[in-house]
mmCIF file of all heavy atoms, coordinates in Angstrom:
data_MODEL
# 
_entry.id   MODEL 
# 
loop_
_atom_site.group_PDB 
_atom_site.id 
_atom_site.type_symbol 
_atom_site.label_atom_id 
_atom_site.label_alt_id 
_atom_site.label_comp_id 
_atom_site.label_asym_id 
_atom_site.label_entity_id 
_atom_site.label_seq_id 
_atom_site.pdbx_PDB_ins_code 
_atom_site.Cartn_x 
_atom_site.Cartn_y 
_atom_site.Cartn_z 
_atom_site.occupancy 
_atom_site.B_iso_or_equiv 
_atom_site.pdbx_formal_charge 
_atom_site.auth_seq_id 
_atom_site.auth_comp_id 
_atom_site.auth_asym_id 
_atom_site.auth_atom_id 
_atom_site.pdbx_PDB_model_num 
ATOM 1   N N   . VAL A 1 1  ? 86.702 125.638 111.411 1.00 0.00 ? 1  VAL A N   1 
ATOM 2   C CA  . VAL A 1 1  ? 87.298 124.370 111.785 1.00 0.00 ? 1  VAL A CA  1 
ATOM 3   C C   . VAL A 1 1  ? 87.558 124.406 113.149 1.00 0.00 ? 1  VAL A C   1 
ATOM 4   O O   . VAL A 1 1  ? 88.181 125.318 113.691 1.00 0.00 ? 1  VAL A O   1 
ATOM 5   C CB  . VAL A 1 1  ? 88.518 124.050 110.907 1.00 0.00 ? 1  VAL A CB  1 
ATOM 6   C CG1 . VAL A 1 1  ? 89.183 122.759 111.379 1.00 0.00 ? 1  VAL A CG1 1 
ATOM 7   C CG2 . VAL A 1 1  ? 88.175 123.986 109.500 1.00 0.00 ? 1  VAL A CG2 1 
ATOM 8   N N   . GLN A 1 2  ? 87.166 123.264 113.899 1.00 0.00 ? 2  GLN A N   1 
ATOM 9   C CA  . GLN A 1 2  ? 87.387 123.375 115.362 1.00 0.00 ? 2  GLN A CA  1 
ATOM 10  C C   . GLN A 1 2  ? 88.612 122.472 115.720 1.00 0.00 ? 2  GLN A C   1 
ATOM 11  O O   . GLN A 1 2  ? 88.831 121.287 115.261 1.00 0.00 ? 2  GLN A O   1 
ATOM 12  C CB  . GLN A 1 2  ? 86.154 122.537 115.999 1.00 0.00 ? 2  GLN A CB  1 
ATOM 13  C CG  . GLN A 1 2  ? 84.911 123.327 115.819 1.00 0.00 ? 2  GLN A CG  1 
ATOM 14  C CD  . GLN A 1 2  ? 84.861 124.702 116.408 1.00 0.00 ? 2  GLN A CD  1 
ATOM 15  O OE1 . GLN A 1 2  ? 84.948 124.838 117.535 1.00 0.00 ? 2  GLN A OE1 1 
ATOM 16  N NE2 . GLN A 1 2  ? 84.901 125.699 115.555 1.00 0.00 ? 2  GLN A NE2 1 
ATOM 17  N N   . PHE A 1 3  ? 89.626 122.998 116.439 1.00 0.00 ? 3  PHE A N   1 
ATOM 18  C CA  . PHE A 1 3  ? 90.737 122.318 116.781 1.00 0.00 ? 3  PHE A CA  1 
ATOM 19  C C   . PHE A 1 3  ? 90.778 121.826 118.259 1.00 0.00 ? 3  PHE A C   1 
ATOM 20  O O   . PHE A 1 3  ? 91.741 121.192 118.694 1.00 0.00 ? 3  PHE A O   1 
ATOM 21  C CB  . PHE A 1 3  ? 91.960 123.297 116.646 1.00 0.00 ? 3  PHE A CB  1 
ATOM 22  C CG  . PHE A 1 3  ? 92.207 123.793 115.167 1.00 0.00 ? 3  PHE A CG  1 
ATOM 23  C CD1 . PHE A 1 3  ? 91.725 124.992 114.732 1.00 0.00 ? 3  PHE A CD1 1 
ATOM 24  C CD2 . PHE A 1 3  ? 92.793 122.907 114.307 1.00 0.00 ? 3  PHE A CD2 1 
ATOM 25  C CE1 . PHE A 1 3  ? 91.837 125.420 113.375 1.00 0.00 ? 3  PHE A CE1 1 
ATOM 26  C CE2 . PHE A 1 3  ? 92.901 123.295 112.923 1.00 0.00 ? 3  PHE A CE2 1 
ATOM 27  C CZ  . PHE A 1 3  ? 92.414 124.539 112.537 1.00 0.00 ? 3  PHE A CZ  1 
ATOM 28  N N   . HIS A 1 4  ? 89.609 121.997 118.929 1.00 0.00 ? 4  HIS A N   1 
ATOM 29  C CA  . HIS A 1 4  ? 89.482 121.511 120.259 1.00 0.00 ? 4  HIS A CA  1 
ATOM 30  C C   . HIS A 1 4  ? 88.193 120.677 120.299 1.00 0.00 ? 4  HIS A C   1 
ATOM 31  O O   . HIS A 1 4  ? 87.133 121.099 119.778 1.00 0.00 ? 4  HIS A O   1 
ATOM 32  C CB  . HIS A 1 4  ? 89.413 122.604 121.252 1.00 0.00 ? 4  HIS A CB  1 
ATOM 33  C CG  . HIS A 1 4  ? 88.971 122.153 122.622 1.00 0.00 ? 4  HIS A CG  1 
ATOM 34  N ND1 . HIS A 1 4  ? 89.860 121.484 123.405 1.00 0.00 ? 4  HIS A ND1 1 
ATOM 35  C CD2 . HIS A 1 4  ? 87.790 122.331 123.324 1.00 0.00 ? 4  HIS A CD2 1 
ATOM 36  C CE1 . HIS A 1 4  ? 89.159 121.286 124.664 1.00 0.00 ? 4  HIS A CE1 1 
ATOM 37  N NE2 . HIS A 1 4  ? 87.961 121.612 124.571 1.00 0.00 ? 4  HIS A NE2 1 
ATOM 38  N N   . HIS A 1 5  ? 88.320 119.383 120.759 1.00 0.00 ? 5  HIS A N   1 
ATOM 39  C CA  . HIS A 1 5  ? 87.206 118.528 120.729 1.00 0.00 ? 5  HIS A CA  1 
ATOM 40  C C   . HIS A 1 5  ? 86.268 118.786 121.936 1.00 0.00 ? 5  HIS A C   1 
ATOM 41  O O   . HIS A 1 5  ? 86.651 118.326 123.097 1.00 0.00 ? 5  HIS A O   1 
ATOM 42  C CB  . HIS A 1 5  ? 87.774 117.045 120.901 1.00 0.00 ? 5  HIS A CB  1 
ATOM 43  C CG  . HIS A 1 5  ? 86.733 115.999 120.590 1.00 0.00 ? 5  HIS A CG  1 
ATOM 44  N ND1 . HIS A 1 5  ? 86.949 114.697 120.933 1.00 0.00 ? 5  HIS A ND1 1 
ATOM 45  C CD2 . HIS A 1 5  ? 85.397 116.081 120.338 1.00 0.00 ? 5  HIS A CD2 1 
ATOM 46  C CE1 . HIS A 1 5  ? 85.811 114.122 120.633 1.00 0.00 ? 5  HIS A CE1 1 
ATOM 47  N NE2 . HIS A 1 5  ? 84.906 114.881 120.247 1.00 0.00 ? 5  HIS A NE2 1 
ATOM 48  N N   . ALA A 1 6  ? 85.161 119.443 121.615 1.00 0.00 ? 6  ALA A N   1 
ATOM 49  C CA  . ALA A 1 6  ? 84.124 119.673 122.664 1.00 0.00 ? 6  ALA A CA  1 
ATOM 50  C C   . ALA A 1 6  ? 83.391 118.483 122.938 1.00 0.00 ? 6  ALA A C   1 
ATOM 51  O O   . ALA A 1 6  ? 83.292 117.509 122.194 1.00 0.00 ? 6  ALA A O   1 
ATOM 52  C CB  . ALA A 1 6  ? 83.235 120.769 122.258 1.00 0.00 ? 6  ALA A CB  1 
ATOM 53  N N   . GLU A 1 7  ? 82.870 118.460 124.117 1.00 0.00 ? 7  GLU A N   1 
ATOM 54  C CA  . GLU A 1 7  ? 82.065 117.239 124.652 1.00 0.00 ? 7  GLU A CA  1 
ATOM 55  C C   . GLU A 1 7  ? 80.785 117.072 123.807 1.00 0.00 ? 7  GLU A C   1 
ATOM 56  O O   . GLU A 1 7  ? 80.484 115.864 123.492 1.00 0.00 ? 7  GLU A O   1 
ATOM 57  C CB  . GLU A 1 7  ? 81.515 117.468 126.085 1.00 0.00 ? 7  GLU A CB  1 
ATOM 58  C CG  . GLU A 1 7  ? 82.754 117.414 127.069 1.00 0.00 ? 7  GLU A CG  1 
ATOM 59  C CD  . GLU A 1 7  ? 82.277 117.485 128.576 1.00 0.00 ? 7  GLU A CD  1 
ATOM 60  O OE1 . GLU A 1 7  ? 81.023 117.452 128.679 1.00 0.00 ? 7  GLU A OE1 1 
ATOM 61  O OE2 . GLU A 1 7  ? 83.052 117.663 129.427 1.00 0.00 ? 7  GLU A OE2 1 
ATOM 62  N N   . ASN A 1 8  ? 80.222 117.928 123.217 1.00 0.00 ? 8  ASN A N   1 
ATOM 63  C CA  . ASN A 1 8  ? 79.120 117.873 122.382 1.00 0.00 ? 8  ASN A CA  1 
ATOM 64  C C   . ASN A 1 8  ? 79.290 117.656 120.973 1.00 0.00 ? 8  ASN A C   1 
ATOM 65  O O   . ASN A 1 8  ? 78.355 117.560 120.105 1.00 0.00 ? 8  ASN A O   1 
ATOM 66  C CB  . ASN A 1 8  ? 77.969 118.962 122.571 1.00 0.00 ? 8  ASN A CB  1 
ATOM 67  C CG  . ASN A 1 8  ? 78.609 120.312 122.160 1.00 0.00 ? 8  ASN A CG  1 
ATOM 68  O OD1 . ASN A 1 8  ? 79.733 120.414 121.719 1.00 0.00 ? 8  ASN A OD1 1 
ATOM 69  N ND2 . ASN A 1 8  ? 77.975 121.466 122.305 1.00 0.00 ? 8  ASN A ND2 1 
ATOM 70  N N   . HIS A 1 9  ? 80.637 117.539 120.500 1.00 0.00 ? 9  HIS A N   1 
ATOM 71  C CA  . HIS A 1 9  ? 80.971 117.273 119.162 1.00 0.00 ? 9  HIS A CA  1 
ATOM 72  C C   . HIS A 1 9  ? 80.941 115.848 118.926 1.00 0.00 ? 9  HIS A C   1 
ATOM 73  O O   . HIS A 1 9  ? 81.934 115.135 119.356 1.00 0.00 ? 9  HIS A O   1 
ATOM 74  C CB  . HIS A 1 9  ? 82.253 117.987 118.986 1.00 0.00 ? 9  HIS A CB  1 
ATOM 75  C CG  . HIS A 1 9  ? 82.596 117.930 117.451 1.00 0.00 ? 9  HIS A CG  1 
ATOM 76  N ND1 . HIS A 1 9  ? 83.777 118.424 116.959 1.00 0.00 ? 9  HIS A ND1 1 
ATOM 77  C CD2 . HIS A 1 9  ? 81.947 117.629 116.385 1.00 0.00 ? 9  HIS A CD2 1 
ATOM 78  C CE1 . HIS A 1 9  ? 83.898 118.276 115.758 1.00 0.00 ? 9  HIS A CE1 1 
ATOM 79  N NE2 . HIS A 1 9  ? 82.842 117.786 115.212 1.00 0.00 ? 9  HIS A NE2 1 
ATOM 80  N N   . LYS A 1 10 ? 79.977 115.381 118.263 1.00 0.00 ? 10 LYS A N   1 
ATOM 81  C CA  . LYS A 1 10 ? 79.832 114.011 117.856 1.00 0.00 ? 10 LYS A CA  1 
ATOM 82  C C   . LYS A 1 10 ? 80.222 113.724 116.403 1.00 0.00 ? 10 LYS A C   1 
ATOM 83  O O   . LYS A 1 10 ? 79.987 114.614 115.565 1.00 0.00 ? 10 LYS A O   1 
ATOM 84  C CB  . LYS A 1 10 ? 78.374 113.514 118.197 1.00 0.00 ? 10 LYS A CB  1 
ATOM 85  C CG  . LYS A 1 10 ? 77.948 113.825 119.663 1.00 0.00 ? 10 LYS A CG  1 
ATOM 86  C CD  . LYS A 1 10 ? 78.867 113.150 120.653 1.00 0.00 ? 10 LYS A CD  1 
ATOM 87  C CE  . LYS A 1 10 ? 78.382 113.427 122.106 1.00 0.00 ? 10 LYS A CE  1 
ATOM 88  N NZ  . LYS A 1 10 ? 79.240 112.778 123.087 1.00 0.00 ? 10 LYS A NZ  1 
ATOM 89  N N   . LEU A 1 11 ? 80.419 112.460 115.910 1.00 0.00 ? 11 LEU A N   1 
ATOM 90  C CA  . LEU A 1 11 ? 80.719 112.209 114.525 1.00 0.00 ? 11 LEU A CA  1 
ATOM 91  C C   . LEU A 1 11 ? 79.361 111.813 114.072 1.00 0.00 ? 11 LEU A C   1 
ATOM 92  O O   . LEU A 1 11 ? 78.712 110.867 114.444 1.00 0.00 ? 11 LEU A O   1 
ATOM 93  C CB  . LEU A 1 11 ? 81.781 111.026 114.535 1.00 0.00 ? 11 LEU A CB  1 
ATOM 94  C CG  . LEU A 1 11 ? 81.952 110.594 113.070 1.00 0.00 ? 11 LEU A CG  1 
ATOM 95  C CD1 . LEU A 1 11 ? 82.564 111.728 112.256 1.00 0.00 ? 11 LEU A CD1 1 
ATOM 96  C CD2 . LEU A 1 11 ? 82.859 109.416 112.932 1.00 0.00 ? 11 LEU A CD2 1 
ATOM 97  N N   . VAL A 1 12 ? 78.901 112.699 113.148 1.00 0.00 ? 12 VAL A N   1 
ATOM 98  C CA  . VAL A 1 12 ? 77.597 112.366 112.501 1.00 0.00 ? 12 VAL A CA  1 
ATOM 99  C C   . VAL A 1 12 ? 77.742 111.581 111.158 1.00 0.00 ? 12 VAL A C   1 
ATOM 100 O O   . VAL A 1 12 ? 78.565 112.017 110.321 1.00 0.00 ? 12 VAL A O   1 
ATOM 101 C CB  . VAL A 1 12 ? 76.811 113.750 112.110 1.00 0.00 ? 12 VAL A CB  1 
ATOM 102 C CG1 . VAL A 1 12 ? 75.423 113.487 111.470 1.00 0.00 ? 12 VAL A CG1 1 
ATOM 103 C CG2 . VAL A 1 12 ? 76.765 114.557 113.477 1.00 0.00 ? 12 VAL A CG2 1 
ATOM 104 N N   . THR A 1 13 ? 77.190 110.485 111.031 1.00 0.00 ? 13 THR A N   1 
ATOM 105 C CA  . THR A 1 13 ? 77.271 109.664 109.779 1.00 0.00 ? 13 THR A CA  1 
ATOM 106 C C   . THR A 1 13 ? 75.927 109.240 109.242 1.00 0.00 ? 13 THR A C   1 
ATOM 107 O O   . THR A 1 13 ? 75.803 108.433 108.283 1.00 0.00 ? 13 THR A O   1 
ATOM 108 C CB  . THR A 1 13 ? 78.076 108.332 110.222 1.00 0.00 ? 13 THR A CB  1 
ATOM 109 O OG1 . THR A 1 13 ? 77.371 107.665 111.174 1.00 0.00 ? 13 THR A OG1 1 
ATOM 110 C CG2 . THR A 1 13 ? 79.428 108.689 110.575 1.00 0.00 ? 13 THR A CG2 1 
ATOM 111 N N   . THR A 1 14 ? 74.890 109.905 109.717 1.00 0.00 ? 14 THR A N   1 
ATOM 112 C CA  . THR A 1 14 ? 73.576 109.493 109.251 1.00 0.00 ? 14 THR A CA  1 
ATOM 113 C C   . THR A 1 14 ? 72.960 110.653 108.324 1.00 0.00 ? 14 THR A C   1 
ATOM 114 O O   . THR A 1 14 ? 73.529 111.729 108.162 1.00 0.00 ? 14 THR A O   1 
ATOM 115 C CB  . THR A 1 14 ? 72.581 109.440 110.389 1.00 0.00 ? 14 THR A CB  1 
ATOM 116 O OG1 . THR A 1 14 ? 72.419 110.507 111.260 1.00 0.00 ? 14 THR A OG1 1 
ATOM 117 C CG2 . THR A 1 14 ? 73.015 108.137 111.337 1.00 0.00 ? 14 THR A CG2 1 
ATOM 118 N N   . GLY A 1 15 ? 71.816 110.399 107.728 1.00 0.00 ? 15 GLY A N   1 
ATOM 119 C CA  . GLY A 1 15 ? 71.167 111.418 106.862 1.00 0.00 ? 15 GLY A CA  1 
ATOM 120 C C   . GLY A 1 15 ? 72.097 111.636 105.699 1.00 0.00 ? 15 GLY A C   1 
ATOM 121 O O   . GLY A 1 15 ? 72.639 110.748 104.939 1.00 0.00 ? 15 GLY A O   1 
ATOM 122 N N   . VAL A 1 16 ? 72.203 112.952 105.397 1.00 0.00 ? 16 VAL A N   1 
ATOM 123 C CA  . VAL A 1 16 ? 73.047 113.394 104.201 1.00 0.00 ? 16 VAL A CA  1 
ATOM 124 C C   . VAL A 1 16 ? 74.516 113.065 104.306 1.00 0.00 ? 16 VAL A C   1 
ATOM 125 O O   . VAL A 1 16 ? 75.347 113.017 103.411 1.00 0.00 ? 16 VAL A O   1 
ATOM 126 C CB  . VAL A 1 16 ? 72.839 114.850 103.895 1.00 0.00 ? 16 VAL A CB  1 
ATOM 127 C CG1 . VAL A 1 16 ? 71.458 115.136 103.329 1.00 0.00 ? 16 VAL A CG1 1 
ATOM 128 C CG2 . VAL A 1 16 ? 73.090 115.762 105.016 1.00 0.00 ? 16 VAL A CG2 1 
ATOM 129 N N   . TYR A 1 17 ? 74.865 112.774 105.623 1.00 0.00 ? 17 TYR A N   1 
ATOM 130 C CA  . TYR A 1 17 ? 76.292 112.433 105.934 1.00 0.00 ? 17 TYR A CA  1 
ATOM 131 C C   . TYR A 1 17 ? 76.551 111.023 105.559 1.00 0.00 ? 17 TYR A C   1 
ATOM 132 O O   . TYR A 1 17 ? 77.766 110.652 105.616 1.00 0.00 ? 17 TYR A O   1 
ATOM 133 C CB  . TYR A 1 17 ? 76.601 112.736 107.458 1.00 0.00 ? 17 TYR A CB  1 
ATOM 134 C CG  . TYR A 1 17 ? 76.750 114.177 107.763 1.00 0.00 ? 17 TYR A CG  1 
ATOM 135 C CD1 . TYR A 1 17 ? 75.690 114.971 108.107 1.00 0.00 ? 17 TYR A CD1 1 
ATOM 136 C CD2 . TYR A 1 17 ? 78.017 114.868 107.723 1.00 0.00 ? 17 TYR A CD2 1 
ATOM 137 C CE1 . TYR A 1 17 ? 75.734 116.322 108.309 1.00 0.00 ? 17 TYR A CE1 1 
ATOM 138 C CE2 . TYR A 1 17 ? 78.109 116.272 107.918 1.00 0.00 ? 17 TYR A CE2 1 
ATOM 139 C CZ  . TYR A 1 17 ? 77.012 116.958 108.309 1.00 0.00 ? 17 TYR A CZ  1 
ATOM 140 O OH  . TYR A 1 17 ? 77.141 118.270 108.504 1.00 0.00 ? 17 TYR A OH  1 
ATOM 141 N N   . ALA A 1 18 ? 75.490 110.281 105.291 1.00 0.00 ? 18 ALA A N   1 
ATOM 142 C CA  . ALA A 1 18 ? 75.706 108.802 104.803 1.00 0.00 ? 18 ALA A CA  1 
ATOM 143 C C   . ALA A 1 18 ? 76.033 108.950 103.307 1.00 0.00 ? 18 ALA A C   1 
ATOM 144 O O   . ALA A 1 18 ? 76.559 108.058 102.780 1.00 0.00 ? 18 ALA A O   1 
ATOM 145 C CB  . ALA A 1 18 ? 74.484 108.062 105.076 1.00 0.00 ? 18 ALA A CB  1 
ATOM 146 N N   . TRP A 1 19 ? 75.653 110.026 102.682 1.00 0.00 ? 19 TRP A N   1 
ATOM 147 C CA  . TRP A 1 19 ? 76.101 110.212 101.379 1.00 0.00 ? 19 TRP A CA  1 
ATOM 148 C C   . TRP A 1 19 ? 77.443 110.790 100.983 1.00 0.00 ? 19 TRP A C   1 
ATOM 149 O O   . TRP A 1 19 ? 78.130 110.241 100.207 1.00 0.00 ? 19 TRP A O   1 
ATOM 150 C CB  . TRP A 1 19 ? 75.013 111.172 100.529 1.00 0.00 ? 19 TRP A CB  1 
ATOM 151 C CG  . TRP A 1 19 ? 73.542 110.870 100.761 1.00 0.00 ? 19 TRP A CG  1 
ATOM 152 C CD1 . TRP A 1 19 ? 73.029 109.721 101.233 1.00 0.00 ? 19 TRP A CD1 1 
ATOM 153 C CD2 . TRP A 1 19 ? 72.481 111.750 100.496 1.00 0.00 ? 19 TRP A CD2 1 
ATOM 154 N NE1 . TRP A 1 19 ? 71.594 109.895 101.344 1.00 0.00 ? 19 TRP A NE1 1 
ATOM 155 C CE2 . TRP A 1 19 ? 71.265 110.962 100.850 1.00 0.00 ? 19 TRP A CE2 1 
ATOM 156 C CE3 . TRP A 1 19 ? 72.338 113.103 99.897  1.00 0.00 ? 19 TRP A CE3 1 
ATOM 157 C CZ2 . TRP A 1 19 ? 69.940 111.561 100.706 1.00 0.00 ? 19 TRP A CZ2 1 
ATOM 158 C CZ3 . TRP A 1 19 ? 71.092 113.659 99.960  1.00 0.00 ? 19 TRP A CZ3 1 
ATOM 159 C CH2 . TRP A 1 19 ? 70.040 112.806 100.212 1.00 0.00 ? 19 TRP A CH2 1 
ATOM 160 N N   . PHE A 1 20 ? 77.694 111.865 101.767 1.00 0.00 ? 20 PHE A N   1 
ATOM 161 C CA  . PHE A 1 20 ? 78.982 112.481 101.560 1.00 0.00 ? 20 PHE A CA  1 
ATOM 162 C C   . PHE A 1 20 ? 79.590 112.733 102.960 1.00 0.00 ? 20 PHE A C   1 
ATOM 163 O O   . PHE A 1 20 ? 78.865 112.957 104.081 1.00 0.00 ? 20 PHE A O   1 
ATOM 164 C CB  . PHE A 1 20 ? 78.885 113.876 100.850 1.00 0.00 ? 20 PHE A CB  1 
ATOM 165 C CG  . PHE A 1 20 ? 78.066 113.878 99.718  1.00 0.00 ? 20 PHE A CG  1 
ATOM 166 C CD1 . PHE A 1 20 ? 76.925 114.652 99.672  1.00 0.00 ? 20 PHE A CD1 1 
ATOM 167 C CD2 . PHE A 1 20 ? 78.341 113.042 98.561  1.00 0.00 ? 20 PHE A CD2 1 
ATOM 168 C CE1 . PHE A 1 20 ? 76.027 114.578 98.456  1.00 0.00 ? 20 PHE A CE1 1 
ATOM 169 C CE2 . PHE A 1 20 ? 77.522 113.109 97.466  1.00 0.00 ? 20 PHE A CE2 1 
ATOM 170 C CZ  . PHE A 1 20 ? 76.412 113.802 97.472  1.00 0.00 ? 20 PHE A CZ  1 
ATOM 171 N N   . ARG A 1 21 ? 80.989 112.800 103.081 1.00 0.00 ? 21 ARG A N   1 
ATOM 172 C CA  . ARG A 1 21 ? 81.424 113.232 104.420 1.00 0.00 ? 21 ARG A CA  1 
ATOM 173 C C   . ARG A 1 21 ? 81.268 114.809 104.702 1.00 0.00 ? 21 ARG A C   1 
ATOM 174 O O   . ARG A 1 21 ? 81.486 115.115 105.702 1.00 0.00 ? 21 ARG A O   1 
ATOM 175 C CB  . ARG A 1 21 ? 82.910 112.925 104.380 1.00 0.00 ? 21 ARG A CB  1 
ATOM 176 C CG  . ARG A 1 21 ? 83.319 111.400 104.276 1.00 0.00 ? 21 ARG A CG  1 
ATOM 177 C CD  . ARG A 1 21 ? 84.657 111.070 104.868 1.00 0.00 ? 21 ARG A CD  1 
ATOM 178 N NE  . ARG A 1 21 ? 85.754 111.637 104.228 1.00 0.00 ? 21 ARG A NE  1 
ATOM 179 C CZ  . ARG A 1 21 ? 86.317 111.315 103.053 1.00 0.00 ? 21 ARG A CZ  1 
ATOM 180 N NH1 . ARG A 1 21 ? 85.794 110.136 102.498 1.00 0.00 ? 21 ARG A NH1 1 
ATOM 181 N NH2 . ARG A 1 21 ? 87.445 111.772 102.523 1.00 0.00 ? 21 ARG A NH2 1 
ATOM 182 N N   . HIS A 1 22 ? 81.196 115.525 103.553 1.00 0.00 ? 22 HIS A N   1 
ATOM 183 C CA  . HIS A 1 22 ? 81.069 116.927 103.877 1.00 0.00 ? 22 HIS A CA  1 
ATOM 184 C C   . HIS A 1 22 ? 79.946 117.575 102.969 1.00 0.00 ? 22 HIS A C   1 
ATOM 185 O O   . HIS A 1 22 ? 80.195 118.403 102.086 1.00 0.00 ? 22 HIS A O   1 
ATOM 186 C CB  . HIS A 1 22 ? 82.381 117.647 103.414 1.00 0.00 ? 22 HIS A CB  1 
ATOM 187 C CG  . HIS A 1 22 ? 83.531 117.131 104.170 1.00 0.00 ? 22 HIS A CG  1 
ATOM 188 N ND1 . HIS A 1 22 ? 83.943 117.579 105.448 1.00 0.00 ? 22 HIS A ND1 1 
ATOM 189 C CD2 . HIS A 1 22 ? 84.582 116.238 103.813 1.00 0.00 ? 22 HIS A CD2 1 
ATOM 190 C CE1 . HIS A 1 22 ? 84.972 116.923 105.827 1.00 0.00 ? 22 HIS A CE1 1 
ATOM 191 N NE2 . HIS A 1 22 ? 85.395 116.053 104.977 1.00 0.00 ? 22 HIS A NE2 1 
ATOM 192 N N   . PRO A 1 23 ? 78.671 117.240 103.345 1.00 0.00 ? 23 PRO A N   1 
ATOM 193 C CA  . PRO A 1 23 ? 77.571 117.633 102.518 1.00 0.00 ? 23 PRO A CA  1 
ATOM 194 C C   . PRO A 1 23 ? 77.397 119.144 102.561 1.00 0.00 ? 23 PRO A C   1 
ATOM 195 O O   . PRO A 1 23 ? 76.975 119.723 101.617 1.00 0.00 ? 23 PRO A O   1 
ATOM 196 C CB  . PRO A 1 23 ? 76.372 116.936 103.161 1.00 0.00 ? 23 PRO A CB  1 
ATOM 197 C CG  . PRO A 1 23 ? 76.895 116.651 104.497 1.00 0.00 ? 23 PRO A CG  1 
ATOM 198 C CD  . PRO A 1 23 ? 78.309 116.281 104.515 1.00 0.00 ? 23 PRO A CD  1 
ATOM 199 N N   . ALA A 1 24 ? 77.791 119.822 103.686 1.00 0.00 ? 24 ALA A N   1 
ATOM 200 C CA  . ALA A 1 24 ? 77.524 121.271 103.723 1.00 0.00 ? 24 ALA A CA  1 
ATOM 201 C C   . ALA A 1 24 ? 78.517 121.988 102.778 1.00 0.00 ? 24 ALA A C   1 
ATOM 202 O O   . ALA A 1 24 ? 78.154 122.999 102.213 1.00 0.00 ? 24 ALA A O   1 
ATOM 203 C CB  . ALA A 1 24 ? 77.889 121.824 105.113 1.00 0.00 ? 24 ALA A CB  1 
ATOM 204 N N   . TYR A 1 25 ? 79.737 121.394 102.696 1.00 0.00 ? 25 TYR A N   1 
ATOM 205 C CA  . TYR A 1 25 ? 80.721 122.023 101.725 1.00 0.00 ? 25 TYR A CA  1 
ATOM 206 C C   . TYR A 1 25 ? 80.324 121.666 100.190 1.00 0.00 ? 25 TYR A C   1 
ATOM 207 O O   . TYR A 1 25 ? 80.373 122.535 99.322  1.00 0.00 ? 25 TYR A O   1 
ATOM 208 C CB  . TYR A 1 25 ? 82.125 121.402 101.817 1.00 0.00 ? 25 TYR A CB  1 
ATOM 209 C CG  . TYR A 1 25 ? 82.775 121.739 103.191 1.00 0.00 ? 25 TYR A CG  1 
ATOM 210 C CD1 . TYR A 1 25 ? 83.855 121.174 103.798 1.00 0.00 ? 25 TYR A CD1 1 
ATOM 211 C CD2 . TYR A 1 25 ? 82.235 122.867 104.038 1.00 0.00 ? 25 TYR A CD2 1 
ATOM 212 C CE1 . TYR A 1 25 ? 84.438 121.436 104.943 1.00 0.00 ? 25 TYR A CE1 1 
ATOM 213 C CE2 . TYR A 1 25 ? 82.889 123.217 105.192 1.00 0.00 ? 25 TYR A CE2 1 
ATOM 214 C CZ  . TYR A 1 25 ? 83.953 122.542 105.699 1.00 0.00 ? 25 TYR A CZ  1 
ATOM 215 O OH  . TYR A 1 25 ? 84.512 122.913 106.819 1.00 0.00 ? 25 TYR A OH  1 
ATOM 216 N N   . VAL A 1 26 ? 79.707 120.475 100.027 1.00 0.00 ? 26 VAL A N   1 
ATOM 217 C CA  . VAL A 1 26 ? 79.233 120.157 98.602  1.00 0.00 ? 26 VAL A CA  1 
ATOM 218 C C   . VAL A 1 26 ? 78.153 121.086 98.293  1.00 0.00 ? 26 VAL A C   1 
ATOM 219 O O   . VAL A 1 26 ? 78.100 121.686 97.176  1.00 0.00 ? 26 VAL A O   1 
ATOM 220 C CB  . VAL A 1 26 ? 78.691 118.675 98.621  1.00 0.00 ? 26 VAL A CB  1 
ATOM 221 C CG1 . VAL A 1 26 ? 78.066 118.413 97.249  1.00 0.00 ? 26 VAL A CG1 1 
ATOM 222 C CG2 . VAL A 1 26 ? 79.781 117.772 99.031  1.00 0.00 ? 26 VAL A CG2 1 
# 
């Protein structure tokens, strides 16, 4: 878990992230 917002950290909402917020954990 990242507690510092890096510049290249974007919110991904496409692909499998449109199905679930946490597909990697699923």
